[in-house]
Amino acid sequence: MTTTLTDYKYIAIDHRGVPIIAGFTLKVIDLVMAQIAYGWTPAEIHINHRDLSMSQIHSALAYYWEHREELDQAIQADLEFAQKMREKAGDSPFVTRLKAQAIK
């Protein structure tokens, strides 16, 4: 996989143009989405991503804040895609059975 380095020591751009943590496949937006979803501090992100250094985490967060508009659009696109896939998939057989039992 080809990556391009950025001005951020620990951030690279992958072959799809997606900012990732250099040496990993973890996307910057995935780290940011975890921070938003769980309200994690950088230290809590580190607890949950032990393979990342605090420097890598802070670099990813700094990259996000410097490119917030662009990355927020990518986050929104990912959320919309996930919602479409949930709607397309419909209920699982298990959920269908539960709903049928609740009606009785």
PDB file of N, CA and C in Angstrom:
ATOM      1  N   MET A   1       0.846  -1.176   0.000  1.00  0.00           N
ATOM      2  CA  MET A   1       0.000   0.000   0.000  1.00  0.00           C
ATOM      3  C   MET A   1       0.894   1.241   0.000  1.00  0.00           C
ATOM      4  N   THR A   2       0.633   2.148  -0.897  1.00  0.00           N
ATOM      5  CA  THR A   2       1.396   3.379  -1.017  1.00  0.00           C
ATOM      6  C   THR A   2       0.788   4.454  -0.127  1.00  0.00           C
ATOM      7  N   THR A   3       1.636   5.163   0.598  1.00  0.00           N
ATOM      8  CA  THR A   3       1.170   6.281   1.411  1.00  0.00           C
ATOM      9  C   THR A   3       2.036   7.495   1.129  1.00  0.00           C
ATOM     10  N   THR A   4       1.453   8.658   1.384  1.00  0.00           N
ATOM     11  CA  THR A   4       2.151   9.924   1.226  1.00  0.00           C
ATOM     12  C   THR A   4       2.243  10.577   2.592  1.00  0.00           C
ATOM     13  N   LEU A   5       3.417  11.040   2.953  1.00  0.00           N
ATOM     14  CA  LEU A   5       3.583  11.706   4.238  1.00  0.00           C
ATOM     15  C   LEU A   5       2.950  13.093   4.204  1.00  0.00           C
ATOM     16  N   THR A   6       2.609  13.589   5.376  1.00  0.00           N
ATOM     17  CA  THR A   6       2.040  14.928   5.519  1.00  0.00           C
ATOM     18  C   THR A   6       2.982  15.759   6.381  1.00  0.00           C
ATOM     19  N   ASP A   7       2.586  16.988   6.660  1.00  0.00           N
ATOM     20  CA  ASP A   7       3.359  17.838   7.564  1.00  0.00           C
ATOM     21  C   ASP A   7       3.252  17.354   9.007  1.00  0.00           C
ATOM     22  N   TYR A   8       2.333  16.440   9.258  1.00  0.00           N
ATOM     23  CA  TYR A   8       2.148  15.875  10.592  1.00  0.00           C
ATOM     24  C   TYR A   8       2.989  14.612  10.682  1.00  0.00           C
ATOM     25  N   LYS A   9       3.856  14.556  11.676  1.00  0.00           N
ATOM     26  CA  LYS A   9       4.839  13.479  11.786  1.00  0.00           C
ATOM     27  C   LYS A   9       4.219  12.089  11.707  1.00  0.00           C
ATOM     28  N   TYR A  10       3.062  11.887  12.297  1.00  0.00           N
ATOM     29  CA  TYR A  10       2.482  10.554  12.393  1.00  0.00           C
ATOM     30  C   TYR A  10       1.284  10.327  11.471  1.00  0.00           C
ATOM     31  N   ILE A  11       1.031  11.240  10.559  1.00  0.00           N
ATOM     32  CA  ILE A  11      -0.129  11.121   9.673  1.00  0.00           C
ATOM     33  C   ILE A  11       0.337  10.959   8.235  1.00  0.00           C
ATOM     34  N   ALA A  12      -0.259   9.989   7.553  1.00  0.00           N
ATOM     35  CA  ALA A  12       0.023   9.747   6.135  1.00  0.00           C
ATOM     36  C   ALA A  12      -1.303   9.732   5.382  1.00  0.00           C
ATOM     37  N   ILE A  13      -1.230   9.900   4.090  1.00  0.00           N
ATOM     38  CA  ILE A  13      -2.406   9.814   3.223  1.00  0.00           C
ATOM     39  C   ILE A  13      -2.280   8.502   2.450  1.00  0.00           C
ATOM     40  N   ASP A  14      -3.304   7.637   2.548  1.00  0.00           N
ATOM     41  CA  ASP A  14      -3.213   6.348   1.860  1.00  0.00           C
ATOM     42  C   ASP A  14      -3.528   6.488   0.373  1.00  0.00           C
ATOM     43  N   HIS A  15      -3.494   5.381  -0.338  1.00  0.00           N
ATOM     44  CA  HIS A  15      -3.684   5.389  -1.793  1.00  0.00           C
ATOM     45  C   HIS A  15      -5.074   5.857  -2.222  1.00  0.00           C
ATOM     46  N   ARG A  16      -6.024   5.884  -1.279  1.00  0.00           N
ATOM     47  CA  ARG A  16      -7.374   6.377  -1.585  1.00  0.00           C
ATOM     48  C   ARG A  16      -7.547   7.849  -1.222  1.00  0.00           C
ATOM     49  N   GLY A  17      -6.485   8.458  -0.694  1.00  0.00           N
ATOM     50  CA  GLY A  17      -6.560   9.855  -0.291  1.00  0.00           C
ATOM     51  C   GLY A  17      -7.088  10.053   1.118  1.00  0.00           C
ATOM     52  N   VAL A  18      -7.099   8.989   1.905  1.00  0.00           N
ATOM     53  CA  VAL A  18      -7.641   9.024   3.262  1.00  0.00           C
ATOM     54  C   VAL A  18      -6.502   9.202   4.263  1.00  0.00           C
ATOM     55  N   PRO A  19      -6.624  10.185   5.178  1.00  0.00           N
ATOM     56  CA  PRO A  19      -5.588  10.350   6.199  1.00  0.00           C
ATOM     57  C   PRO A  19      -5.644   9.210   7.219  1.00  0.00           C
ATOM     58  N   ILE A  20      -4.488   8.589   7.444  1.00  0.00           N
ATOM     59  CA  ILE A  20      -4.369   7.478   8.384  1.00  0.00           C
ATOM     60  C   ILE A  20      -3.204   7.750   9.323  1.00  0.00           C
ATOM     61  N   ILE A  21      -3.140   6.979  10.392  1.00  0.00           N
ATOM     62  CA  ILE A  21      -1.986   7.059  11.272  1.00  0.00           C
ATOM     63  C   ILE A  21      -0.875   6.252  10.605  1.00  0.00           C
ATOM     64  N   ALA A  22       0.251   6.891  10.358  1.00  0.00           N
ATOM     65  CA  ALA A  22       1.363   6.269   9.631  1.00  0.00           C
ATOM     66  C   ALA A  22       1.764   4.952  10.289  1.00  0.00           C
ATOM     67  N   GLY A  23       1.911   3.928   9.458  1.00  0.00           N
ATOM     68  CA  GLY A  23       2.288   2.614   9.958  1.00  0.00           C
ATOM     69  C   GLY A  23       1.111   1.762  10.383  1.00  0.00           C
ATOM     70  N   PHE A  24      -0.082   2.321  10.329  1.00  0.00           N
ATOM     71  CA  PHE A  24      -1.304   1.615  10.711  1.00  0.00           C
ATOM     72  C   PHE A  24      -2.332   1.791   9.596  1.00  0.00           C
ATOM     73  N   THR A  25      -3.423   1.065   9.697  1.00  0.00           N
ATOM     74  CA  THR A  25      -4.531   1.266   8.760  1.00  0.00           C
ATOM     75  C   THR A  25      -5.649   2.082   9.399  1.00  0.00           C
ATOM     76  N   LEU A  26      -5.455   2.525  10.632  1.00  0.00           N
ATOM     77  CA  LEU A  26      -6.476   3.286  11.352  1.00  0.00           C
ATOM     78  C   LEU A  26      -6.627   4.675  10.748  1.00  0.00           C
ATOM     79  N   LYS A  27      -7.852   4.979  10.317  1.00  0.00           N
ATOM     80  CA  LYS A  27      -8.130   6.289   9.731  1.00  0.00           C
ATOM     81  C   LYS A  27      -8.253   7.334  10.836  1.00  0.00           C
ATOM     82  N   VAL A  28      -7.825   8.541  10.529  1.00  0.00           N
ATOM     83  CA  VAL A  28      -7.949   9.651  11.473  1.00  0.00           C
ATOM     84  C   VAL A  28      -9.412   9.828  11.869  1.00  0.00           C
ATOM     85  N   ILE A  29     -10.333   9.725  10.899  1.00  0.00           N
ATOM     86  CA  ILE A  29     -11.746   9.945  11.242  1.00  0.00           C
ATOM     87  C   ILE A  29     -12.285   8.849  12.153  1.00  0.00           C
ATOM     88  N   ASP A  30     -11.745   7.631  12.081  1.00  0.00           N
ATOM     89  CA  ASP A  30     -12.196   6.579  12.995  1.00  0.00           C
ATOM     90  C   ASP A  30     -11.807   6.913  14.429  1.00  0.00           C
ATOM     91  N   LEU A  31     -10.622   7.455  14.605  1.00  0.00           N
ATOM     92  CA  LEU A  31     -10.176   7.860  15.931  1.00  0.00           C
ATOM     93  C   LEU A  31     -11.040   9.012  16.450  1.00  0.00           C
ATOM     94  N   VAL A  32     -11.319   9.969  15.582  1.00  0.00           N
ATOM     95  CA  VAL A  32     -12.140  11.125  15.960  1.00  0.00           C
ATOM     96  C   VAL A  32     -13.568  10.687  16.270  1.00  0.00           C
ATOM     97  N   MET A  33     -14.115   9.772  15.463  1.00  0.00           N
ATOM     98  CA  MET A  33     -15.479   9.295  15.710  1.00  0.00           C
ATOM     99  C   MET A  33     -15.573   8.578  17.055  1.00  0.00           C
ATOM    100  N   ALA A  34     -14.535   7.836  17.430  1.00  0.00           N
ATOM    101  CA  ALA A  34     -14.518   7.184  18.741  1.00  0.00           C
ATOM    102  C   ALA A  34     -14.487   8.232  19.846  1.00  0.00           C
ATOM    103  N   GLN A  35     -13.700   9.288  19.643  1.00  0.00           N
ATOM    104  CA  GLN A  35     -13.640  10.347  20.645  1.00  0.00           C
ATOM    105  C   GLN A  35     -14.999  11.019  20.801  1.00  0.00           C
ATOM    106  N   ILE A  36     -15.664  11.282  19.693  1.00  0.00           N
ATOM    107  CA  ILE A  36     -16.976  11.927  19.736  1.00  0.00           C
ATOM    108  C   ILE A  36     -18.014  10.997  20.359  1.00  0.00           C
ATOM    109  N   ALA A  37     -18.033   9.744  19.915  1.00  0.00           N
ATOM    110  CA  ALA A  37     -19.049   8.797  20.378  1.00  0.00           C
ATOM    111  C   ALA A  37     -18.942   8.504  21.868  1.00  0.00           C
ATOM    112  N   TYR A  38     -17.726   8.345  22.359  1.00  0.00           N
ATOM    113  CA  TYR A  38     -17.532   7.943  23.747  1.00  0.00           C
ATOM    114  C   TYR A  38     -17.095   9.085  24.654  1.00  0.00           C
ATOM    115  N   GLY A  39     -16.796  10.238  24.076  1.00  0.00           N
ATOM    116  CA  GLY A  39     -16.340  11.368  24.875  1.00  0.00           C
ATOM    117  C   GLY A  39     -14.958  11.143  25.466  1.00  0.00           C
ATOM    118  N   TRP A  40     -14.144  10.340  24.792  1.00  0.00           N
ATOM    119  CA  TRP A  40     -12.824   9.990  25.305  1.00  0.00           C
ATOM    120  C   TRP A  40     -11.846  11.150  25.241  1.00  0.00           C
ATOM    121  N   THR A  41     -11.026  11.255  26.260  1.00  0.00           N
ATOM    122  CA  THR A  41      -9.871  12.147  26.243  1.00  0.00           C
ATOM    123  C   THR A  41      -8.756  11.440  25.460  1.00  0.00           C
ATOM    124  N   PRO A  42      -7.693  12.154  25.093  1.00  0.00           N
ATOM    125  CA  PRO A  42      -6.575  11.463  24.438  1.00  0.00           C
ATOM    126  C   PRO A  42      -6.033  10.292  25.271  1.00  0.00           C
ATOM    127  N   ALA A  43      -5.984  10.448  26.591  1.00  0.00           N
ATOM    128  CA  ALA A  43      -5.504   9.354  27.450  1.00  0.00           C
ATOM    129  C   ALA A  43      -6.437   8.147  27.373  1.00  0.00           C
ATOM    130  N   GLU A  44      -7.741   8.394  27.320  1.00  0.00           N
ATOM    131  CA  GLU A  44      -8.700   7.291  27.210  1.00  0.00           C
ATOM    132  C   GLU A  44      -8.628   6.629  25.833  1.00  0.00           C
ATOM    133  N   ILE A  45      -8.350   7.419  24.802  1.00  0.00           N
ATOM    134  CA  ILE A  45      -8.132   6.830  23.476  1.00  0.00           C
ATOM    135  C   ILE A  45      -6.931   5.891  23.554  1.00  0.00           C
ATOM    136  N   HIS A  46      -5.883   6.328  24.241  1.00  0.00           N
ATOM    137  CA  HIS A  46      -4.677   5.506  24.376  1.00  0.00           C
ATOM    138  C   HIS A  46      -4.977   4.198  25.108  1.00  0.00           C
ATOM    139  N   ILE A  47      -5.791   4.257  26.139  1.00  0.00           N
ATOM    140  CA  ILE A  47      -6.166   3.044  26.877  1.00  0.00           C
ATOM    141  C   ILE A  47      -6.859   2.051  25.943  1.00  0.00           C
ATOM    142  N   ASN A  48      -7.668   2.568  25.038  1.00  0.00           N
ATOM    143  CA  ASN A  48      -8.432   1.713  24.130  1.00  0.00           C
ATOM    144  C   ASN A  48      -7.709   1.397  22.825  1.00  0.00           C
ATOM    145  N   HIS A  49      -6.611   2.062  22.571  1.00  0.00           N
ATOM    146  CA  HIS A  49      -5.776   1.818  21.382  1.00  0.00           C
ATOM    147  C   HIS A  49      -4.320   1.767  21.841  1.00  0.00           C
ATOM    148  N   ARG A  50      -3.984   0.747  22.611  1.00  0.00           N
ATOM    149  CA  ARG A  50      -2.659   0.624  23.230  1.00  0.00           C
ATOM    150  C   ARG A  50      -1.517   0.610  22.217  1.00  0.00           C
ATOM    151  N   ASP A  51      -1.821   0.229  20.981  1.00  0.00           N
ATOM    152  CA  ASP A  51      -0.769   0.174  19.970  1.00  0.00           C
ATOM    153  C   ASP A  51      -0.362   1.560  19.474  1.00  0.00           C
ATOM    154  N   LEU A  52      -1.147   2.585  19.815  1.00  0.00           N
ATOM    155  CA  LEU A  52      -0.833   3.959  19.411  1.00  0.00           C
ATOM    156  C   LEU A  52      -0.135   4.696  20.550  1.00  0.00           C
ATOM    157  N   SER A  53       0.822   5.527  20.197  1.00  0.00           N
ATOM    158  CA  SER A  53       1.472   6.367  21.206  1.00  0.00           C
ATOM    159  C   SER A  53       0.622   7.622  21.423  1.00  0.00           C
ATOM    160  N   MET A  54       0.867   8.283  22.526  1.00  0.00           N
ATOM    161  CA  MET A  54       0.162   9.537  22.786  1.00  0.00           C
ATOM    162  C   MET A  54       0.501  10.562  21.706  1.00  0.00           C
ATOM    163  N   SER A  55       1.729  10.539  21.211  1.00  0.00           N
ATOM    164  CA  SER A  55       2.121  11.464  20.139  1.00  0.00           C
ATOM    165  C   SER A  55       1.312  11.209  18.878  1.00  0.00           C
ATOM    166  N   GLN A  56       1.103   9.948  18.541  1.00  0.00           N
ATOM    167  CA  GLN A  56       0.301   9.616  17.364  1.00  0.00           C
ATOM    168  C   GLN A  56      -1.142  10.083  17.540  1.00  0.00           C
ATOM    169  N   ILE A  57      -1.686   9.889  18.721  1.00  0.00           N
ATOM    170  CA  ILE A  57      -3.067  10.297  19.002  1.00  0.00           C
ATOM    171  C   ILE A  57      -3.198  11.809  18.896  1.00  0.00           C
ATOM    172  N   HIS A  58      -2.289  12.537  19.530  1.00  0.00           N
ATOM    173  CA  HIS A  58      -2.354  14.000  19.467  1.00  0.00           C
ATOM    174  C   HIS A  58      -2.144  14.511  18.044  1.00  0.00           C
ATOM    175  N   SER A  59      -1.283  13.856  17.293  1.00  0.00           N
ATOM    176  CA  SER A  59      -1.059  14.246  15.905  1.00  0.00           C
ATOM    177  C   SER A  59      -2.332  14.047  15.085  1.00  0.00           C
ATOM    178  N   ALA A  60      -3.018  12.926  15.296  1.00  0.00           N
ATOM    179  CA  ALA A  60      -4.270  12.664  14.577  1.00  0.00           C
ATOM    180  C   ALA A  60      -5.331  13.700  14.933  1.00  0.00           C
ATOM    181  N   LEU A  61      -5.433  14.030  16.213  1.00  0.00           N
ATOM    182  CA  LEU A  61      -6.425  15.028  16.632  1.00  0.00           C
ATOM    183  C   LEU A  61      -6.070  16.409  16.088  1.00  0.00           C
ATOM    184  N   ALA A  62      -4.786  16.753  16.077  1.00  0.00           N
ATOM    185  CA  ALA A  62      -4.363  18.040  15.513  1.00  0.00           C
ATOM    186  C   ALA A  62      -4.674  18.083  14.023  1.00  0.00           C
ATOM    187  N   TYR A  63      -4.420  16.981  13.325  1.00  0.00           N
ATOM    188  CA  TYR A  63      -4.728  16.919  11.889  1.00  0.00           C
ATOM    189  C   TYR A  63      -6.225  17.131  11.668  1.00  0.00           C
ATOM    190  N   TYR A  64      -7.030  16.493  12.508  1.00  0.00           N
ATOM    191  CA  TYR A  64      -8.482  16.663  12.395  1.00  0.00           C
ATOM    192  C   TYR A  64      -8.862  18.138  12.533  1.00  0.00           C
ATOM    193  N   TRP A  65      -8.350  18.803  13.564  1.00  0.00           N
ATOM    194  CA  TRP A  65      -8.744  20.196  13.792  1.00  0.00           C
ATOM    195  C   TRP A  65      -8.264  21.119  12.679  1.00  0.00           C
ATOM    196  N   GLU A  66      -7.141  20.794  12.062  1.00  0.00           N
ATOM    197  CA  GLU A  66      -6.639  21.599  10.944  1.00  0.00           C
ATOM    198  C   GLU A  66      -7.424  21.346   9.655  1.00  0.00           C
ATOM    199  N   HIS A  67      -8.082  20.196   9.563  1.00  0.00           N
ATOM    200  CA  HIS A  67      -8.819  19.798   8.354  1.00  0.00           C
ATOM    201  C   HIS A  67     -10.265  19.443   8.702  1.00  0.00           C
ATOM    202  N   ARG A  68     -10.803  20.128   9.693  1.00  0.00           N
ATOM    203  CA  ARG A  68     -12.100  19.755  10.261  1.00  0.00           C
ATOM    204  C   ARG A  68     -13.228  19.732   9.236  1.00  0.00           C
ATOM    205  N   GLU A  69     -13.344  20.745   8.416  1.00  0.00           N
ATOM    206  CA  GLU A  69     -14.463  20.805   7.469  1.00  0.00           C
ATOM    207  C   GLU A  69     -14.446  19.597   6.527  1.00  0.00           C
ATOM    208  N   GLU A  70     -13.294  19.326   5.957  1.00  0.00           N
ATOM    209  CA  GLU A  70     -13.149  18.197   5.029  1.00  0.00           C
ATOM    210  C   GLU A  70     -13.425  16.856   5.724  1.00  0.00           C
ATOM    211  N   LEU A  71     -12.883  16.680   6.920  1.00  0.00           N
ATOM    212  CA  LEU A  71     -13.051  15.414   7.629  1.00  0.00           C
ATOM    213  C   LEU A  71     -14.458  15.258   8.183  1.00  0.00           C
ATOM    214  N   ASP A  72     -15.093  16.352   8.589  1.00  0.00           N
ATOM    215  CA  ASP A  72     -16.493  16.267   9.017  1.00  0.00           C
ATOM    216  C   ASP A  72     -17.385  15.815   7.863  1.00  0.00           C
ATOM    217  N   GLN A  73     -17.073  16.258   6.651  1.00  0.00           N
ATOM    218  CA  GLN A  73     -17.826  15.799   5.480  1.00  0.00           C
ATOM    219  C   GLN A  73     -17.623  14.299   5.270  1.00  0.00           C
ATOM    220  N   ALA A  74     -16.411  13.822   5.466  1.00  0.00           N
ATOM    221  CA  ALA A  74     -16.130  12.388   5.331  1.00  0.00           C
ATOM    222  C   ALA A  74     -16.857  11.588   6.405  1.00  0.00           C
ATOM    223  N   ILE A  75     -16.893  12.114   7.626  1.00  0.00           N
ATOM    224  CA  ILE A  75     -17.619  11.451   8.709  1.00  0.00           C
ATOM    225  C   ILE A  75     -19.100  11.382   8.370  1.00  0.00           C
ATOM    226  N   GLN A  76     -19.664  12.484   7.905  1.00  0.00           N
ATOM    227  CA  GLN A  76     -21.081  12.516   7.545  1.00  0.00           C
ATOM    228  C   GLN A  76     -21.377  11.522   6.424  1.00  0.00           C
ATOM    229  N   ALA A  77     -20.508  11.444   5.440  1.00  0.00           N
ATOM    230  CA  ALA A  77     -20.701  10.495   4.336  1.00  0.00           C
ATOM    231  C   ALA A  77     -20.667   9.057   4.855  1.00  0.00           C
ATOM    232  N   ASP A  78     -19.754   8.758   5.778  1.00  0.00           N
ATOM    233  CA  ASP A  78     -19.693   7.414   6.362  1.00  0.00           C
ATOM    234  C   ASP A  78     -20.963   7.091   7.136  1.00  0.00           C
ATOM    235  N   LEU A  79     -21.463   8.053   7.909  1.00  0.00           N
ATOM    236  CA  LEU A  79     -22.689   7.831   8.680  1.00  0.00           C
ATOM    237  C   LEU A  79     -23.888   7.609   7.763  1.00  0.00           C
ATOM    238  N   GLU A  80     -23.979   8.384   6.698  1.00  0.00           N
ATOM    239  CA  GLU A  80     -25.076   8.217   5.740  1.00  0.00           C
ATOM    240  C   GLU A  80     -24.988   6.864   5.044  1.00  0.00           C
ATOM    241  N   PHE A  81     -23.787   6.433   4.686  1.00  0.00           N
ATOM    242  CA  PHE A  81     -23.607   5.125   4.057  1.00  0.00           C
ATOM    243  C   PHE A  81     -24.039   4.012   5.012  1.00  0.00           C
ATOM    244  N   ALA A  82     -23.637   4.116   6.277  1.00  0.00           N
ATOM    245  CA  ALA A  82     -24.006   3.102   7.265  1.00  0.00           C
ATOM    246  C   ALA A  82     -25.522   3.038   7.435  1.00  0.00           C
ATOM    247  N   GLN A  83     -26.178   4.193   7.458  1.00  0.00           N
ATOM    248  CA  GLN A  83     -27.634   4.221   7.590  1.00  0.00           C
ATOM    249  C   GLN A  83     -28.300   3.564   6.381  1.00  0.00           C
ATOM    250  N   LYS A  84     -27.819   3.853   5.191  1.00  0.00           N
ATOM    251  CA  LYS A  84     -28.375   3.234   3.980  1.00  0.00           C
ATOM    252  C   LYS A  84     -28.211   1.722   4.017  1.00  0.00           C
ATOM    253  N   MET A  85     -27.067   1.254   4.474  1.00  0.00           N
ATOM    254  CA  MET A  85     -26.824  -0.191   4.549  1.00  0.00           C
ATOM    255  C   MET A  85     -27.730  -0.848   5.583  1.00  0.00           C
ATOM    256  N   ARG A  86     -27.979  -0.157   6.720  1.00  0.00           N
ATOM    257  CA  ARG A  86     -28.903  -0.699   7.726  1.00  0.00           C
ATOM    258  C   ARG A  86     -30.299  -0.821   7.148  1.00  0.00           C
ATOM    259  N   GLU A  87     -30.737   0.221   6.439  1.00  0.00           N
ATOM    260  CA  GLU A  87     -32.070   0.202   5.836  1.00  0.00           C
ATOM    261  C   GLU A  87     -32.165  -0.882   4.770  1.00  0.00           C
ATOM    262  N   LYS A  88     -31.128  -1.030   3.973  1.00  0.00           N
ATOM    263  CA  LYS A  88     -31.118  -2.027   2.905  1.00  0.00           C
ATOM    264  C   LYS A  88     -31.141  -3.446   3.480  1.00  0.00           C
ATOM    265  N   ALA A  89     -30.418  -3.666   4.560  1.00  0.00           N
ATOM    266  CA  ALA A  89     -30.329  -4.997   5.161  1.00  0.00           C
ATOM    267  C   ALA A  89     -31.631  -5.408   5.828  1.00  0.00           C
ATOM    268  N   GLY A  90     -32.373  -4.447   6.349  1.00  0.00           N
ATOM    269  CA  GLY A  90     -33.612  -4.783   7.047  1.00  0.00           C
ATOM    270  C   GLY A  90     -33.327  -5.494   8.361  1.00  0.00           C
ATOM    271  N   ASP A  91     -34.376  -6.034   8.942  1.00  0.00           N
ATOM    272  CA  ASP A  91     -34.238  -6.729  10.216  1.00  0.00           C
ATOM    273  C   ASP A  91     -33.595  -8.093  10.017  1.00  0.00           C
ATOM    274  N   SER A  92     -32.816  -8.495  10.996  1.00  0.00           N
ATOM    275  CA  SER A  92     -32.235  -9.837  10.975  1.00  0.00           C
ATOM    276  C   SER A  92     -33.341 -10.844  11.294  1.00  0.00           C
ATOM    277  N   PRO A  93     -33.147 -12.107  10.972  1.00  0.00           N
ATOM    278  CA  PRO A  93     -34.154 -13.121  11.323  1.00  0.00           C
ATOM    279  C   PRO A  93     -34.452 -13.133  12.821  1.00  0.00           C
ATOM    280  N   PHE A  94     -33.444 -12.906  13.632  1.00  0.00           N
ATOM    281  CA  PHE A  94     -33.642 -12.880  15.081  1.00  0.00           C
ATOM    282  C   PHE A  94     -34.585 -11.750  15.489  1.00  0.00           C
ATOM    283  N   VAL A  95     -34.357 -10.559  14.968  1.00  0.00           N
ATOM    284  CA  VAL A  95     -35.215  -9.411  15.284  1.00  0.00           C
ATOM    285  C   VAL A  95     -36.628  -9.659  14.771  1.00  0.00           C
ATOM    286  N   THR A  96     -36.756 -10.245  13.604  1.00  0.00           N
ATOM    287  CA  THR A  96     -38.075 -10.561  13.046  1.00  0.00           C
ATOM    288  C   THR A  96     -38.829 -11.496  13.980  1.00  0.00           C
ATOM    289  N   ARG A  97     -38.150 -12.530  14.501  1.00  0.00           N
ATOM    290  CA  ARG A  97     -38.799 -13.461  15.440  1.00  0.00           C
ATOM    291  C   ARG A  97     -39.200 -12.745  16.725  1.00  0.00           C
ATOM    292  N   LEU A  98     -38.342 -11.874  17.226  1.00  0.00           N
ATOM    293  CA  LEU A  98     -38.679 -11.134  18.447  1.00  0.00           C
ATOM    294  C   LEU A  98     -39.903 -10.256  18.243  1.00  0.00           C
ATOM    295  N   LYS A  99     -39.961  -9.585  17.103  1.00  0.00           N
ATOM    296  CA  LYS A  99     -41.115  -8.735  16.812  1.00  0.00           C
ATOM    297  C   LYS A  99     -42.378  -9.569  16.702  1.00  0.00           C
ATOM    298  N   ALA A 100     -42.291 -10.734  16.098  1.00  0.00           N
ATOM    299  CA  ALA A 100     -43.455 -11.615  15.958  1.00  0.00           C
ATOM    300  C   ALA A 100     -43.931 -12.093  17.323  1.00  0.00           C
ATOM    301  N   GLN A 101     -43.020 -12.388  18.223  1.00  0.00           N
ATOM    302  CA  GLN A 101     -43.392 -12.826  19.567  1.00  0.00           C
ATOM    303  C   GLN A 101     -44.034 -11.702  20.361  1.00  0.00           C
ATOM    304  N   ALA A 102     -43.590 -10.489  20.149  1.00  0.00           N
ATOM    305  CA  ALA A 102     -44.132  -9.346  20.885  1.00  0.00           C
ATOM    306  C   ALA A 102     -45.562  -9.049  20.469  1.00  0.00           C
ATOM    307  N   ILE A 103     -45.916  -9.380  19.228  1.00  0.00           N
ATOM    308  CA  ILE A 103     -47.263  -9.106  18.723  1.00  0.00           C
ATOM    309  C   ILE A 103     -48.279 -10.052  19.339  1.00  0.00           C
ATOM    310  N   LYS A 104     -47.886 -11.265  19.655  1.00  0.00           N
ATOM    311  CA  LYS A 104     -48.813 -12.288  20.169  1.00  0.00           C
ATOM    312  C   LYS A 104     -49.389 -11.921  21.494  1.00  0.00           C
TER     313      LYS A 104
END
